[in-house]
Amino acid sequence: MSKVELKYEDLEDHLKEQIEFLNTSCDLFDDGKFAEAKRIATIIRVLFHDTRHSKSLLGQLGRKSDSFYSTNLPLASESLSTYSGLTIGYYGDADPLFWPY
């Protein structure tokens, strides 16, 4: 299969579309549609994941080194427990549940 070269403007359009997908999936997740977490993970992979055979959308745009807003909790270096800086966990009678901050 041959590679298809896209113009920078086309890549920017794809980025805007992925951000719209992400916003929609986050809204649906917040409304209780927890399966949207899989779709959110896929969008993040499209945006950031590079391999030998494929390059992320942000990588193609030269924007992986841009500044991003982080909502994770700082890592406490003295803590011996598992770090969970991006999620809140609930461990009740059923299977554990996790929510983003």
PDB file of N, CA and C in Angstrom:
ATOM      1  N   MET A   1       0.849  -1.176   0.000  1.00  0.00           N
ATOM      2  CA  MET A   1       0.000   0.000   0.000  1.00  0.00           C
ATOM      3  C   MET A   1       0.893   1.237   0.000  1.00  0.00           C
ATOM      4  N   SER A   2       0.587   2.173  -0.851  1.00  0.00           N
ATOM      5  CA  SER A   2       1.411   3.374  -0.940  1.00  0.00           C
ATOM      6  C   SER A   2       0.943   4.434   0.049  1.00  0.00           C
ATOM      7  N   LYS A   3       1.889   5.290   0.433  1.00  0.00           N
ATOM      8  CA  LYS A   3       1.578   6.358   1.380  1.00  0.00           C
ATOM      9  C   LYS A   3       0.850   7.493   0.666  1.00  0.00           C
ATOM     10  N   VAL A   4      -0.038   8.143   1.399  1.00  0.00           N
ATOM     11  CA  VAL A   4      -0.764   9.294   0.873  1.00  0.00           C
ATOM     12  C   VAL A   4      -0.265  10.522   1.628  1.00  0.00           C
ATOM     13  N   GLU A   5       0.299  11.457   0.904  1.00  0.00           N
ATOM     14  CA  GLU A   5       0.781  12.692   1.520  1.00  0.00           C
ATOM     15  C   GLU A   5      -0.383  13.669   1.646  1.00  0.00           C
ATOM     16  N   LEU A   6      -0.582  14.196   2.839  1.00  0.00           N
ATOM     17  CA  LEU A   6      -1.632  15.176   3.080  1.00  0.00           C
ATOM     18  C   LEU A   6      -1.014  16.557   3.260  1.00  0.00           C
ATOM     19  N   LYS A   7      -1.743  17.554   2.831  1.00  0.00           N
ATOM     20  CA  LYS A   7      -1.297  18.933   3.059  1.00  0.00           C
ATOM     21  C   LYS A   7      -1.446  19.266   4.536  1.00  0.00           C
ATOM     22  N   TYR A   8      -0.664  20.233   4.980  1.00  0.00           N
ATOM     23  CA  TYR A   8      -0.723  20.669   6.375  1.00  0.00           C
ATOM     24  C   TYR A   8      -2.142  21.089   6.743  1.00  0.00           C
ATOM     25  N   GLU A   9      -2.817  21.772   5.836  1.00  0.00           N
ATOM     26  CA  GLU A   9      -4.191  22.225   6.103  1.00  0.00           C
ATOM     27  C   GLU A   9      -5.135  21.037   6.302  1.00  0.00           C
ATOM     28  N   ASP A  10      -4.917  19.968   5.534  1.00  0.00           N
ATOM     29  CA  ASP A  10      -5.747  18.767   5.703  1.00  0.00           C
ATOM     30  C   ASP A  10      -5.512  18.145   7.073  1.00  0.00           C
ATOM     31  N   LEU A  11      -4.241  18.100   7.508  1.00  0.00           N
ATOM     32  CA  LEU A  11      -3.916  17.557   8.825  1.00  0.00           C
ATOM     33  C   LEU A  11      -4.552  18.402   9.928  1.00  0.00           C
ATOM     34  N   GLU A  12      -4.545  19.731   9.750  1.00  0.00           N
ATOM     35  CA  GLU A  12      -5.201  20.605  10.732  1.00  0.00           C
ATOM     36  C   GLU A  12      -6.700  20.323  10.794  1.00  0.00           C
ATOM     37  N   ASP A  13      -7.311  20.084   9.644  1.00  0.00           N
ATOM     38  CA  ASP A  13      -8.740  19.736   9.614  1.00  0.00           C
ATOM     39  C   ASP A  13      -8.987  18.421  10.361  1.00  0.00           C
ATOM     40  N   HIS A  14      -8.099  17.449  10.171  1.00  0.00           N
ATOM     41  CA  HIS A  14      -8.216  16.180  10.888  1.00  0.00           C
ATOM     42  C   HIS A  14      -8.075  16.394  12.394  1.00  0.00           C
ATOM     43  N   LEU A  15      -7.176  17.293  12.791  1.00  0.00           N
ATOM     44  CA  LEU A  15      -7.004  17.584  14.220  1.00  0.00           C
ATOM     45  C   LEU A  15      -8.269  18.196  14.804  1.00  0.00           C
ATOM     46  N   LYS A  16      -8.843  19.160  14.116  1.00  0.00           N
ATOM     47  CA  LYS A  16     -10.090  19.767  14.593  1.00  0.00           C
ATOM     48  C   LYS A  16     -11.187  18.712  14.733  1.00  0.00           C
ATOM     49  N   GLU A  17     -11.250  17.807  13.780  1.00  0.00           N
ATOM     50  CA  GLU A  17     -12.250  16.741  13.819  1.00  0.00           C
ATOM     51  C   GLU A  17     -12.018  15.815  15.011  1.00  0.00           C
ATOM     52  N   GLN A  18     -10.762  15.440  15.265  1.00  0.00           N
ATOM     53  CA  GLN A  18     -10.453  14.572  16.407  1.00  0.00           C
ATOM     54  C   GLN A  18     -10.801  15.255  17.729  1.00  0.00           C
ATOM     55  N   ILE A  19     -10.549  16.554  17.825  1.00  0.00           N
ATOM     56  CA  ILE A  19     -10.894  17.301  19.038  1.00  0.00           C
ATOM     57  C   ILE A  19     -12.410  17.329  19.226  1.00  0.00           C
ATOM     58  N   GLU A  20     -13.157  17.489  18.142  1.00  0.00           N
ATOM     59  CA  GLU A  20     -14.621  17.430  18.235  1.00  0.00           C
ATOM     60  C   GLU A  20     -15.078  16.053  18.704  1.00  0.00           C
ATOM     61  N   PHE A  21     -14.477  14.997  18.143  1.00  0.00           N
ATOM     62  CA  PHE A  21     -14.800  13.633  18.585  1.00  0.00           C
ATOM     63  C   PHE A  21     -14.516  13.484  20.072  1.00  0.00           C
ATOM     64  N   LEU A  22     -13.361  13.992  20.501  1.00  0.00           N
ATOM     65  CA  LEU A  22     -12.958  13.878  21.898  1.00  0.00           C
ATOM     66  C   LEU A  22     -13.933  14.601  22.818  1.00  0.00           C
ATOM     67  N   ASN A  23     -14.321  15.809  22.452  1.00  0.00           N
ATOM     68  CA  ASN A  23     -15.280  16.564  23.268  1.00  0.00           C
ATOM     69  C   ASN A  23     -16.617  15.835  23.366  1.00  0.00           C
ATOM     70  N   THR A  24     -17.083  15.297  22.257  1.00  0.00           N
ATOM     71  CA  THR A  24     -18.354  14.569  22.249  1.00  0.00           C
ATOM     72  C   THR A  24     -18.270  13.325  23.126  1.00  0.00           C
ATOM     73  N   SER A  25     -17.186  12.561  22.972  1.00  0.00           N
ATOM     74  CA  SER A  25     -17.032  11.343  23.769  1.00  0.00           C
ATOM     75  C   SER A  25     -16.905  11.664  25.253  1.00  0.00           C
ATOM     76  N   CYS A  26     -16.205  12.748  25.594  1.00  0.00           N
ATOM     77  CA  CYS A  26     -16.085  13.134  27.005  1.00  0.00           C
ATOM     78  C   CYS A  26     -17.435  13.527  27.578  1.00  0.00           C
ATOM     79  N   ASP A  27     -18.241  14.258  26.803  1.00  0.00           N
ATOM     80  CA  ASP A  27     -19.585  14.616  27.269  1.00  0.00           C
ATOM     81  C   ASP A  27     -20.430  13.362  27.504  1.00  0.00           C
ATOM     82  N   LEU A  28     -20.357  12.411  26.560  1.00  0.00           N
ATOM     83  CA  LEU A  28     -21.118  11.173  26.707  1.00  0.00           C
ATOM     84  C   LEU A  28     -20.632  10.366  27.908  1.00  0.00           C
ATOM     85  N   PHE A  29     -19.316  10.311  28.123  1.00  0.00           N
ATOM     86  CA  PHE A  29     -18.764   9.616  29.288  1.00  0.00           C
ATOM     87  C   PHE A  29     -19.280  10.254  30.562  1.00  0.00           C
ATOM     88  N   ASP A  30     -19.253  11.591  30.612  1.00  0.00           N
ATOM     89  CA  ASP A  30     -19.736  12.301  31.800  1.00  0.00           C
ATOM     90  C   ASP A  30     -21.223  12.075  32.047  1.00  0.00           C
ATOM     91  N   ASP A  31     -21.960  11.747  30.980  1.00  0.00           N
ATOM     92  CA  ASP A  31     -23.389  11.445  31.114  1.00  0.00           C
ATOM     93  C   ASP A  31     -23.646   9.981  31.464  1.00  0.00           C
ATOM     94  N   GLY A  32     -22.577   9.226  31.741  1.00  0.00           N
ATOM     95  CA  GLY A  32     -22.743   7.853  32.174  1.00  0.00           C
ATOM     96  C   GLY A  32     -22.505   6.795  31.121  1.00  0.00           C
ATOM     97  N   LYS A  33     -22.138   7.184  29.920  1.00  0.00           N
ATOM     98  CA  LYS A  33     -21.848   6.218  28.850  1.00  0.00           C
ATOM     99  C   LYS A  33     -20.367   5.826  28.963  1.00  0.00           C
ATOM    100  N   PHE A  34     -20.066   4.936  29.910  1.00  0.00           N
ATOM    101  CA  PHE A  34     -18.685   4.622  30.256  1.00  0.00           C
ATOM    102  C   PHE A  34     -17.931   3.887  29.159  1.00  0.00           C
ATOM    103  N   ALA A  35     -18.630   3.292  28.209  1.00  0.00           N
ATOM    104  CA  ALA A  35     -17.959   2.641  27.084  1.00  0.00           C
ATOM    105  C   ALA A  35     -17.228   3.661  26.209  1.00  0.00           C
ATOM    106  N   GLU A  36     -17.580   4.925  26.333  1.00  0.00           N
ATOM    107  CA  GLU A  36     -16.897   5.975  25.571  1.00  0.00           C
ATOM    108  C   GLU A  36     -15.414   6.064  25.936  1.00  0.00           C
ATOM    109  N   ALA A  37     -15.029   5.504  27.077  1.00  0.00           N
ATOM    110  CA  ALA A  37     -13.616   5.508  27.471  1.00  0.00           C
ATOM    111  C   ALA A  37     -12.758   4.839  26.401  1.00  0.00           C
ATOM    112  N   LYS A  38     -13.279   3.801  25.763  1.00  0.00           N
ATOM    113  CA  LYS A  38     -12.533   3.123  24.701  1.00  0.00           C
ATOM    114  C   LYS A  38     -12.355   4.038  23.493  1.00  0.00           C
ATOM    115  N   ARG A  39     -13.391   4.772  23.159  1.00  0.00           N
ATOM    116  CA  ARG A  39     -13.292   5.689  22.025  1.00  0.00           C
ATOM    117  C   ARG A  39     -12.331   6.841  22.350  1.00  0.00           C
ATOM    118  N   ILE A  40     -12.363   7.314  23.588  1.00  0.00           N
ATOM    119  CA  ILE A  40     -11.445   8.371  24.026  1.00  0.00           C
ATOM    120  C   ILE A  40     -10.001   7.880  23.910  1.00  0.00           C
ATOM    121  N   ALA A  41      -9.754   6.651  24.343  1.00  0.00           N
ATOM    122  CA  ALA A  41      -8.404   6.086  24.253  1.00  0.00           C
ATOM    123  C   ALA A  41      -7.945   5.986  22.800  1.00  0.00           C
ATOM    124  N   THR A  42      -8.858   5.641  21.903  1.00  0.00           N
ATOM    125  CA  THR A  42      -8.511   5.541  20.489  1.00  0.00           C
ATOM    126  C   THR A  42      -8.135   6.903  19.921  1.00  0.00           C
ATOM    127  N   ILE A  43      -8.880   7.933  20.286  1.00  0.00           N
ATOM    128  CA  ILE A  43      -8.579   9.292  19.824  1.00  0.00           C
ATOM    129  C   ILE A  43      -7.214   9.734  20.337  1.00  0.00           C
ATOM    130  N   ILE A  44      -6.926   9.453  21.598  1.00  0.00           N
ATOM    131  CA  ILE A  44      -5.624   9.827  22.167  1.00  0.00           C
ATOM    132  C   ILE A  44      -4.506   9.101  21.425  1.00  0.00           C
ATOM    133  N   ARG A  45      -4.738   7.849  21.074  1.00  0.00           N
ATOM    134  CA  ARG A  45      -3.739   7.095  20.305  1.00  0.00           C
ATOM    135  C   ARG A  45      -3.511   7.744  18.946  1.00  0.00           C
ATOM    136  N   VAL A  46      -4.569   8.117  18.254  1.00  0.00           N
ATOM    137  CA  VAL A  46      -4.445   8.792  16.956  1.00  0.00           C
ATOM    138  C   VAL A  46      -3.630  10.072  17.111  1.00  0.00           C
ATOM    139  N   LEU A  47      -3.869  10.798  18.182  1.00  0.00           N
ATOM    140  CA  LEU A  47      -3.189  12.078  18.386  1.00  0.00           C
ATOM    141  C   LEU A  47      -1.719  11.927  18.758  1.00  0.00           C
ATOM    142  N   PHE A  48      -1.355  10.918  19.568  1.00  0.00           N
ATOM    143  CA  PHE A  48      -0.029  10.883  20.177  1.00  0.00           C
ATOM    144  C   PHE A  48       0.857   9.690  19.831  1.00  0.00           C
ATOM    145  N   HIS A  49       0.329   8.569  19.429  1.00  0.00           N
ATOM    146  CA  HIS A  49       1.105   7.330  19.340  1.00  0.00           C
ATOM    147  C   HIS A  49       1.882   7.236  18.028  1.00  0.00           C
ATOM    148  N   ASP A  50       3.203   7.118  18.139  1.00  0.00           N
ATOM    149  CA  ASP A  50       4.081   6.933  16.979  1.00  0.00           C
ATOM    150  C   ASP A  50       4.666   5.533  16.999  1.00  0.00           C
ATOM    151  N   THR A  51       4.799   4.927  15.826  1.00  0.00           N
ATOM    152  CA  THR A  51       5.467   3.637  15.685  1.00  0.00           C
ATOM    153  C   THR A  51       6.445   3.734  14.519  1.00  0.00           C
ATOM    154  N   ARG A  52       7.131   2.625  14.245  1.00  0.00           N
ATOM    155  CA  ARG A  52       8.024   2.613  13.076  1.00  0.00           C
ATOM    156  C   ARG A  52       7.229   2.771  11.791  1.00  0.00           C
ATOM    157  N   HIS A  53       5.975   2.333  11.807  1.00  0.00           N
ATOM    158  CA  HIS A  53       5.190   2.290  10.585  1.00  0.00           C
ATOM    159  C   HIS A  53       4.147   3.396  10.459  1.00  0.00           C
ATOM    160  N   SER A  54       3.903   4.103  11.545  1.00  0.00           N
ATOM    161  CA  SER A  54       2.907   5.175  11.470  1.00  0.00           C
ATOM    162  C   SER A  54       3.319   6.330  12.375  1.00  0.00           C
ATOM    163  N   LYS A  55       2.836   7.498  12.031  1.00  0.00           N
ATOM    164  CA  LYS A  55       3.165   8.696  12.798  1.00  0.00           C
ATOM    165  C   LYS A  55       1.878   9.339  13.298  1.00  0.00           C
ATOM    166  N   SER A  56       1.890   9.756  14.546  1.00  0.00           N
ATOM    167  CA  SER A  56       0.710  10.365  15.160  1.00  0.00           C
ATOM    168  C   SER A  56       0.313  11.645  14.428  1.00  0.00           C
ATOM    169  N   LEU A  57      -0.929  12.011  14.594  1.00  0.00           N
ATOM    170  CA  LEU A  57      -1.424  13.228  13.960  1.00  0.00           C
ATOM    171  C   LEU A  57      -0.668  14.458  14.466  1.00  0.00           C
ATOM    172  N   LEU A  58      -0.474  14.547  15.784  1.00  0.00           N
ATOM    173  CA  LEU A  58       0.282  15.685  16.321  1.00  0.00           C
ATOM    174  C   LEU A  58       1.744  15.639  15.873  1.00  0.00           C
ATOM    175  N   GLY A  59       2.292  14.434  15.711  1.00  0.00           N
ATOM    176  CA  GLY A  59       3.650  14.295  15.203  1.00  0.00           C
ATOM    177  C   GLY A  59       3.759  14.798  13.771  1.00  0.00           C
ATOM    178  N   GLN A  60       2.781  14.478  12.949  1.00  0.00           N
ATOM    179  CA  GLN A  60       2.780  14.938  11.560  1.00  0.00           C
ATOM    180  C   GLN A  60       2.658  16.455  11.474  1.00  0.00           C
ATOM    181  N   LEU A  61       1.990  17.029  12.445  1.00  0.00           N
ATOM    182  CA  LEU A  61       1.837  18.487  12.484  1.00  0.00           C
ATOM    183  C   LEU A  61       3.012  19.167  13.176  1.00  0.00           C
ATOM    184  N   GLY A  62       3.939  18.385  13.734  1.00  0.00           N
ATOM    185  CA  GLY A  62       5.074  18.956  14.469  1.00  0.00           C
ATOM    186  C   GLY A  62       4.651  19.608  15.772  1.00  0.00           C
ATOM    187  N   ARG A  63       3.610  19.063  16.404  1.00  0.00           N
ATOM    188  CA  ARG A  63       3.053  19.702  17.600  1.00  0.00           C
ATOM    189  C   ARG A  63       3.105  18.836  18.849  1.00  0.00           C
ATOM    190  N   LYS A  64       3.862  17.742  18.830  1.00  0.00           N
ATOM    191  CA  LYS A  64       3.928  16.896  20.028  1.00  0.00           C
ATOM    192  C   LYS A  64       4.700  17.554  21.159  1.00  0.00           C
ATOM    193  N   SER A  65       5.499  18.543  20.857  1.00  0.00           N
ATOM    194  CA  SER A  65       6.258  19.218  21.915  1.00  0.00           C
ATOM    195  C   SER A  65       5.544  20.480  22.408  1.00  0.00           C
ATOM    196  N   ASP A  66       4.331  20.724  21.922  1.00  0.00           N
ATOM    197  CA  ASP A  66       3.548  21.860  22.414  1.00  0.00           C
ATOM    198  C   ASP A  66       3.257  21.686  23.904  1.00  0.00           C
ATOM    199  N   SER A  67       2.937  22.765  24.572  1.00  0.00           N
ATOM    200  CA  SER A  67       2.527  22.694  25.977  1.00  0.00           C
ATOM    201  C   SER A  67       1.082  22.217  26.054  1.00  0.00           C
ATOM    202  N   PHE A  68       0.818  21.345  27.013  1.00  0.00           N
ATOM    203  CA  PHE A  68      -0.526  20.827  27.226  1.00  0.00           C
ATOM    204  C   PHE A  68      -0.916  21.063  28.675  1.00  0.00           C
ATOM    205  N   TYR A  69      -2.195  21.264  28.896  1.00  0.00           N
ATOM    206  CA  TYR A  69      -2.710  21.465  30.243  1.00  0.00           C
ATOM    207  C   TYR A  69      -2.818  20.108  30.928  1.00  0.00           C
ATOM    208  N   SER A  70      -2.209  19.974  32.064  1.00  0.00           N
ATOM    209  CA  SER A  70      -2.220  18.713  32.799  1.00  0.00           C
ATOM    210  C   SER A  70      -3.119  18.832  34.023  1.00  0.00           C
ATOM    211  N   THR A  71      -3.989  17.843  34.211  1.00  0.00           N
ATOM    212  CA  THR A  71      -4.867  17.818  35.377  1.00  0.00           C
ATOM    213  C   THR A  71      -4.486  16.712  36.348  1.00  0.00           C
ATOM    214  N   ASN A  72      -3.358  16.047  36.090  1.00  0.00           N
ATOM    215  CA  ASN A  72      -2.978  14.964  36.995  1.00  0.00           C
ATOM    216  C   ASN A  72      -2.448  15.511  38.312  1.00  0.00           C
ATOM    217  N   LEU A  73      -2.581  14.697  39.343  1.00  0.00           N
ATOM    218  CA  LEU A  73      -2.057  15.060  40.655  1.00  0.00           C
ATOM    219  C   LEU A  73      -0.550  14.825  40.666  1.00  0.00           C
ATOM    220  N   PRO A  74       0.188  15.638  41.409  1.00  0.00           N
ATOM    221  CA  PRO A  74       1.641  15.429  41.467  1.00  0.00           C
ATOM    222  C   PRO A  74       1.986  14.110  42.148  1.00  0.00           C
ATOM    223  N   LEU A  75       3.077  13.521  41.717  1.00  0.00           N
ATOM    224  CA  LEU A  75       3.551  12.277  42.302  1.00  0.00           C
ATOM    225  C   LEU A  75       4.251  12.578  43.622  1.00  0.00           C
ATOM    226  N   ALA A  76       3.800  11.916  44.671  1.00  0.00           N
ATOM    227  CA  ALA A  76       4.439  12.068  45.984  1.00  0.00           C
ATOM    228  C   ALA A  76       5.586  11.069  46.047  1.00  0.00           C
ATOM    229  N   SER A  77       6.810  11.557  45.982  1.00  0.00           N
ATOM    230  CA  SER A  77       7.970  10.669  45.899  1.00  0.00           C
ATOM    231  C   SER A  77       8.125   9.779  47.131  1.00  0.00           C
ATOM    232  N   GLU A  78       7.600  10.208  48.269  1.00  0.00           N
ATOM    233  CA  GLU A  78       7.726   9.409  49.488  1.00  0.00           C
ATOM    234  C   GLU A  78       6.661   8.317  49.602  1.00  0.00           C
ATOM    235  N   SER A  79       5.679   8.344  48.729  1.00  0.00           N
ATOM    236  CA  SER A  79       4.591   7.369  48.781  1.00  0.00           C
ATOM    237  C   SER A  79       5.060   6.007  48.278  1.00  0.00           C
ATOM    238  N   LEU A  80       4.633   4.948  48.968  1.00  0.00           N
ATOM    239  CA  LEU A  80       4.957   3.585  48.562  1.00  0.00           C
ATOM    240  C   LEU A  80       3.786   2.911  47.856  1.00  0.00           C
ATOM    241  N   SER A  81       2.653   3.604  47.781  1.00  0.00           N
ATOM    242  CA  SER A  81       1.479   3.013  47.146  1.00  0.00           C
ATOM    243  C   SER A  81       1.495   3.281  45.639  1.00  0.00           C
ATOM    244  N   THR A  82       0.582   2.629  44.939  1.00  0.00           N
ATOM    245  CA  THR A  82       0.453   2.808  43.499  1.00  0.00           C
ATOM    246  C   THR A  82       0.025   4.238  43.192  1.00  0.00           C
ATOM    247  N   TYR A  83       0.638   4.837  42.190  1.00  0.00           N
ATOM    248  CA  TYR A  83       0.308   6.204  41.787  1.00  0.00           C
ATOM    249  C   TYR A  83      -0.914   6.192  40.883  1.00  0.00           C
ATOM    250  N   SER A  84      -1.870   7.024  41.199  1.00  0.00           N
ATOM    251  CA  SER A  84      -3.070   7.155  40.383  1.00  0.00           C
ATOM    252  C   SER A  84      -3.369   8.641  40.227  1.00  0.00           C
ATOM    253  N   GLY A  85      -2.536   9.316  39.491  1.00  0.00           N
ATOM    254  CA  GLY A  85      -2.645  10.756  39.363  1.00  0.00           C
ATOM    255  C   GLY A  85      -3.680  11.246  38.381  1.00  0.00           C
ATOM    256  N   LEU A  86      -4.257  10.334  37.585  1.00  0.00           N
ATOM    257  CA  LEU A  86      -5.231  10.746  36.585  1.00  0.00           C
ATOM    258  C   LEU A  86      -6.645  10.257  36.873  1.00  0.00           C
ATOM    259  N   THR A  87      -6.776   9.364  37.843  1.00  0.00           N
ATOM    260  CA  THR A  87      -8.090   8.773  38.093  1.00  0.00           C
ATOM    261  C   THR A  87      -8.421   8.726  39.574  1.00  0.00           C
ATOM    262  N   ILE A  88      -9.694   8.578  39.827  1.00  0.00           N
ATOM    263  CA  ILE A  88     -10.204   8.314  41.168  1.00  0.00           C
ATOM    264  C   ILE A  88     -10.722   6.884  41.134  1.00  0.00           C
ATOM    265  N   GLY A  89     -10.324   6.071  42.094  1.00  0.00           N
ATOM    266  CA  GLY A  89     -10.767   4.690  42.120  1.00  0.00           C
ATOM    267  C   GLY A  89     -11.775   4.455  43.225  1.00  0.00           C
ATOM    268  N   TYR A  90     -12.714   3.586  42.964  1.00  0.00           N
ATOM    269  CA  TYR A  90     -13.688   3.158  43.962  1.00  0.00           C
ATOM    270  C   TYR A  90     -13.605   1.646  44.058  1.00  0.00           C
ATOM    271  N   TYR A  91     -13.382   1.157  45.247  1.00  0.00           N
ATOM    272  CA  TYR A  91     -13.256  -0.273  45.466  1.00  0.00           C
ATOM    273  C   TYR A  91     -14.336  -0.703  46.453  1.00  0.00           C
ATOM    274  N   GLY A  92     -15.490  -1.040  45.913  1.00  0.00           N
ATOM    275  CA  GLY A  92     -16.602  -1.445  46.760  1.00  0.00           C
ATOM    276  C   GLY A  92     -16.811  -2.940  46.697  1.00  0.00           C
ATOM    277  N   ASP A  93     -18.064  -3.349  46.804  1.00  0.00           N
ATOM    278  CA  ASP A  93     -18.410  -4.766  46.789  1.00  0.00           C
ATOM    279  C   ASP A  93     -18.256  -5.384  45.399  1.00  0.00           C
ATOM    280  N   ALA A  94     -18.439  -4.589  44.378  1.00  0.00           N
ATOM    281  CA  ALA A  94     -18.363  -5.088  43.002  1.00  0.00           C
ATOM    282  C   ALA A  94     -16.961  -4.837  42.430  1.00  0.00           C
ATOM    283  N   ASP A  95     -16.857  -4.927  41.127  1.00  0.00           N
ATOM    284  CA  ASP A  95     -15.581  -4.651  40.466  1.00  0.00           C
ATOM    285  C   ASP A  95     -15.168  -3.207  40.731  1.00  0.00           C
ATOM    286  N   PRO A  96     -13.866  -2.950  40.762  1.00  0.00           N
ATOM    287  CA  PRO A  96     -13.420  -1.573  40.981  1.00  0.00           C
ATOM    288  C   PRO A  96     -13.861  -0.663  39.826  1.00  0.00           C
ATOM    289  N   LEU A  97     -14.118   0.579  40.149  1.00  0.00           N
ATOM    290  CA  LEU A  97     -14.505   1.577  39.152  1.00  0.00           C
ATOM    291  C   LEU A  97     -13.493   2.713  39.180  1.00  0.00           C
ATOM    292  N   PHE A  98     -13.259   3.314  38.033  1.00  0.00           N
ATOM    293  CA  PHE A  98     -12.314   4.424  37.944  1.00  0.00           C
ATOM    294  C   PHE A  98     -12.939   5.571  37.162  1.00  0.00           C
ATOM    295  N   TRP A  99     -12.717   6.782  37.635  1.00  0.00           N
ATOM    296  CA  TRP A  99     -13.197   7.980  36.966  1.00  0.00           C
ATOM    297  C   TRP A  99     -12.019   8.934  36.795  1.00  0.00           C
ATOM    298  N   PRO A 100     -12.034   9.729  35.724  1.00  0.00           N
ATOM    299  CA  PRO A 100     -10.989  10.751  35.586  1.00  0.00           C
ATOM    300  C   PRO A 100     -11.262  11.900  36.533  1.00  0.00           C
ATOM    301  N   TYR A 101     -10.202  12.602  36.942  1.00  0.00           N
ATOM    302  CA  TYR A 101     -10.384  13.804  37.761  1.00  0.00           C
ATOM    303  C   TYR A 101     -11.069  14.862  36.953  1.00  0.00           C
TER     304      TYR A 101
END
